[in-house]
Amino acid sequence: MGAVWKRGRRRDYISDALSQLTGWVHEGDCLKRTLPLDDTEHAVLTERISVAADTFGVRPHIRRLDGRTQIQLCAGDNGALTSAEIGMAARVEAAYQSLSR
């Protein structure tokens, strides 16, 4: 499903994508998400992210802090978020949802 564009109105694709990705925040040139995961879930999610990151050519920053997993997807050298970071965020979200079922 693609974004619907109305004549005469220009929409920001990042805002459109984030409206579909619950919990993700756009800060500067990064997308961020914090997830409440135990250590086992963190390990599984990190492995899934690693596999997807190779596919998208994105290098996510993942860290564990106080029982939470923090994920940050930042723009590459060009300084602007691309469909790769957006796609990676969607893949992370799908992997997280599969863990919480």
C-alpha atoms as a PDB file:
ATOM      1  CA  MET A   1       0.000   0.000   0.000  1.00  0.00           C
ATOM      2  CA  GLY A   2       1.446   3.352  -1.006  1.00  0.00           C
ATOM      3  CA  ALA A   3       0.841   6.854   0.231  1.00  0.00           C
ATOM      4  CA  VAL A   4      -2.050   8.710  -1.332  1.00  0.00           C
ATOM      5  CA  TRP A   5      -0.979  12.017  -2.833  1.00  0.00           C
ATOM      6  CA  LYS A   6      -3.532  14.759  -3.342  1.00  0.00           C
ATOM      7  CA  ARG A   7      -3.082  17.314  -6.087  1.00  0.00           C
ATOM      8  CA  GLY A   8      -1.700  20.572  -4.790  1.00  0.00           C
ATOM      9  CA  ARG A   9      -0.584  19.116  -1.442  1.00  0.00           C
ATOM     10  CA  ARG A  10       2.888  17.870  -0.764  1.00  0.00           C
ATOM     11  CA  ARG A  11       3.309  15.381   2.065  1.00  0.00           C
ATOM     12  CA  ASP A  12       6.412  14.292   3.907  1.00  0.00           C
ATOM     13  CA  TYR A  13       6.956  10.557   3.314  1.00  0.00           C
ATOM     14  CA  ILE A  14       8.661  10.176   6.706  1.00  0.00           C
ATOM     15  CA  SER A  15       5.578  11.502   8.489  1.00  0.00           C
ATOM     16  CA  ASP A  16       3.393   9.213   6.384  1.00  0.00           C
ATOM     17  CA  ALA A  17       5.529   6.202   7.249  1.00  0.00           C
ATOM     18  CA  LEU A  18       5.704   7.067  10.946  1.00  0.00           C
ATOM     19  CA  SER A  19       1.936   7.305  11.096  1.00  0.00           C
ATOM     20  CA  GLN A  20       1.980   3.573  10.267  1.00  0.00           C
ATOM     21  CA  LEU A  21       4.850   2.702  12.638  1.00  0.00           C
ATOM     22  CA  THR A  22       3.520   2.985  16.171  1.00  0.00           C
ATOM     23  CA  GLY A  23       6.136   3.898  18.750  1.00  0.00           C
ATOM     24  CA  TRP A  24       8.799   5.193  16.370  1.00  0.00           C
ATOM     25  CA  VAL A  25      10.017   8.761  16.816  1.00  0.00           C
ATOM     26  CA  HIS A  26      11.717  10.935  14.204  1.00  0.00           C
ATOM     27  CA  GLU A  27      14.473  13.024  15.811  1.00  0.00           C
ATOM     28  CA  GLY A  28      16.813  14.929  13.536  1.00  0.00           C
ATOM     29  CA  ASP A  29      18.204  12.503  10.990  1.00  0.00           C
ATOM     30  CA  CYS A  30      17.265   9.387  13.031  1.00  0.00           C
ATOM     31  CA  LEU A  31      14.324   7.119  13.760  1.00  0.00           C
ATOM     32  CA  LYS A  32      14.198   5.815  17.338  1.00  0.00           C
ATOM     33  CA  ARG A  33      12.244   3.144  19.193  1.00  0.00           C
ATOM     34  CA  THR A  34      12.469   1.804  22.759  1.00  0.00           C
ATOM     35  CA  LEU A  35      11.065  -1.657  23.472  1.00  0.00           C
ATOM     36  CA  PRO A  36      10.428  -3.396  26.811  1.00  0.00           C
ATOM     37  CA  LEU A  37      12.156  -6.755  26.266  1.00  0.00           C
ATOM     38  CA  ASP A  38      13.727  -9.334  28.528  1.00  0.00           C
ATOM     39  CA  ASP A  39      17.258 -10.554  27.801  1.00  0.00           C
ATOM     40  CA  THR A  40      16.137 -13.525  25.691  1.00  0.00           C
ATOM     41  CA  GLU A  41      13.770 -11.433  23.572  1.00  0.00           C
ATOM     42  CA  HIS A  42      16.510  -8.828  23.154  1.00  0.00           C
ATOM     43  CA  ALA A  43      18.912 -11.476  21.833  1.00  0.00           C
ATOM     44  CA  VAL A  44      16.347 -12.853  19.380  1.00  0.00           C
ATOM     45  CA  LEU A  45      15.367  -9.395  18.134  1.00  0.00           C
ATOM     46  CA  THR A  46      18.981  -8.327  17.759  1.00  0.00           C
ATOM     47  CA  GLU A  47      19.689 -11.377  15.583  1.00  0.00           C
ATOM     48  CA  ARG A  48      16.643 -10.664  13.391  1.00  0.00           C
ATOM     49  CA  ILE A  49      17.675  -7.022  13.063  1.00  0.00           C
ATOM     50  CA  SER A  50      21.177  -8.055  12.040  1.00  0.00           C
ATOM     51  CA  VAL A  51      19.868 -10.225   9.205  1.00  0.00           C
ATOM     52  CA  ALA A  52      17.467  -7.524   7.968  1.00  0.00           C
ATOM     53  CA  ALA A  53      20.103  -4.793   8.259  1.00  0.00           C
ATOM     54  CA  ASP A  54      22.298  -6.604   5.746  1.00  0.00           C
ATOM     55  CA  THR A  55      19.370  -6.741   3.329  1.00  0.00           C
ATOM     56  CA  PHE A  56      18.577  -3.035   3.658  1.00  0.00           C
ATOM     57  CA  GLY A  57      22.210  -1.899   3.866  1.00  0.00           C
ATOM     58  CA  VAL A  58      21.451  -0.062   7.113  1.00  0.00           C
ATOM     59  CA  ARG A  59      23.526  -0.074  10.297  1.00  0.00           C
ATOM     60  CA  PRO A  60      21.170   0.206  13.276  1.00  0.00           C
ATOM     61  CA  HIS A  61      22.462   1.197  16.695  1.00  0.00           C
ATOM     62  CA  ILE A  62      21.082  -1.170  19.332  1.00  0.00           C
ATOM     63  CA  ARG A  63      21.686  -0.901  23.034  1.00  0.00           C
ATOM     64  CA  ARG A  64      20.314  -2.467  26.183  1.00  0.00           C
ATOM     65  CA  LEU A  65      19.520  -0.193  29.114  1.00  0.00           C
ATOM     66  CA  ASP A  66      17.459  -0.858  32.250  1.00  0.00           C
ATOM     67  CA  GLY A  67      15.518  -3.789  30.802  1.00  0.00           C
ATOM     68  CA  ARG A  68      14.762  -2.000  27.558  1.00  0.00           C
ATOM     69  CA  THR A  69      16.112  -2.275  24.065  1.00  0.00           C
ATOM     70  CA  GLN A  70      16.798   0.997  22.301  1.00  0.00           C
ATOM     71  CA  ILE A  71      17.031   1.018  18.511  1.00  0.00           C
ATOM     72  CA  GLN A  72      18.244   3.938  16.449  1.00  0.00           C
ATOM     73  CA  LEU A  73      18.250   4.098  12.651  1.00  0.00           C
ATOM     74  CA  CYS A  74      20.132   7.102  11.337  1.00  0.00           C
ATOM     75  CA  ALA A  75      20.614   8.581   7.894  1.00  0.00           C
ATOM     76  CA  GLY A  76      23.707   7.690   5.961  1.00  0.00           C
ATOM     77  CA  ASP A  77      26.348  10.021   4.627  1.00  0.00           C
ATOM     78  CA  ASN A  78      23.829  12.100   2.664  1.00  0.00           C
ATOM     79  CA  GLY A  79      22.172  13.250   5.910  1.00  0.00           C
ATOM     80  CA  ALA A  80      18.609  12.392   4.871  1.00  0.00           C
ATOM     81  CA  LEU A  81      16.523   9.389   5.862  1.00  0.00           C
ATOM     82  CA  THR A  82      15.775   7.095   2.951  1.00  0.00           C
ATOM     83  CA  SER A  83      13.363   4.297   2.189  1.00  0.00           C
ATOM     84  CA  ALA A  84      16.023   1.911   3.540  1.00  0.00           C
ATOM     85  CA  GLU A  85      15.739   3.299   7.076  1.00  0.00           C
ATOM     86  CA  ILE A  86      11.941   3.402   6.821  1.00  0.00           C
ATOM     87  CA  GLY A  87      11.856  -0.180   5.542  1.00  0.00           C
ATOM     88  CA  MET A  88      14.210  -1.280   8.290  1.00  0.00           C
ATOM     89  CA  ALA A  89      11.983   0.324  10.935  1.00  0.00           C
ATOM     90  CA  ALA A  90       9.010  -1.574   9.515  1.00  0.00           C
ATOM     91  CA  ARG A  91      11.001  -4.826   9.600  1.00  0.00           C
ATOM     92  CA  VAL A  92      12.051  -4.196  13.227  1.00  0.00           C
ATOM     93  CA  GLU A  93       8.445  -3.506  14.146  1.00  0.00           C
ATOM     94  CA  ALA A  94       7.258  -6.742  12.500  1.00  0.00           C
ATOM     95  CA  ALA A  95       9.959  -8.733  14.315  1.00  0.00           C
ATOM     96  CA  TYR A  96       9.005  -7.130  17.626  1.00  0.00           C
ATOM     97  CA  GLN A  97       5.314  -7.870  17.076  1.00  0.00           C
ATOM     98  CA  SER A  98       6.125 -11.528  16.375  1.00  0.00           C
ATOM     99  CA  LEU A  99       8.000 -11.721  19.713  1.00  0.00           C
ATOM    100  CA  SER A 100       5.136 -10.277  21.716  1.00  0.00           C
ATOM    101  CA  ARG A 101       2.534 -12.777  20.480  1.00  0.00           C
END
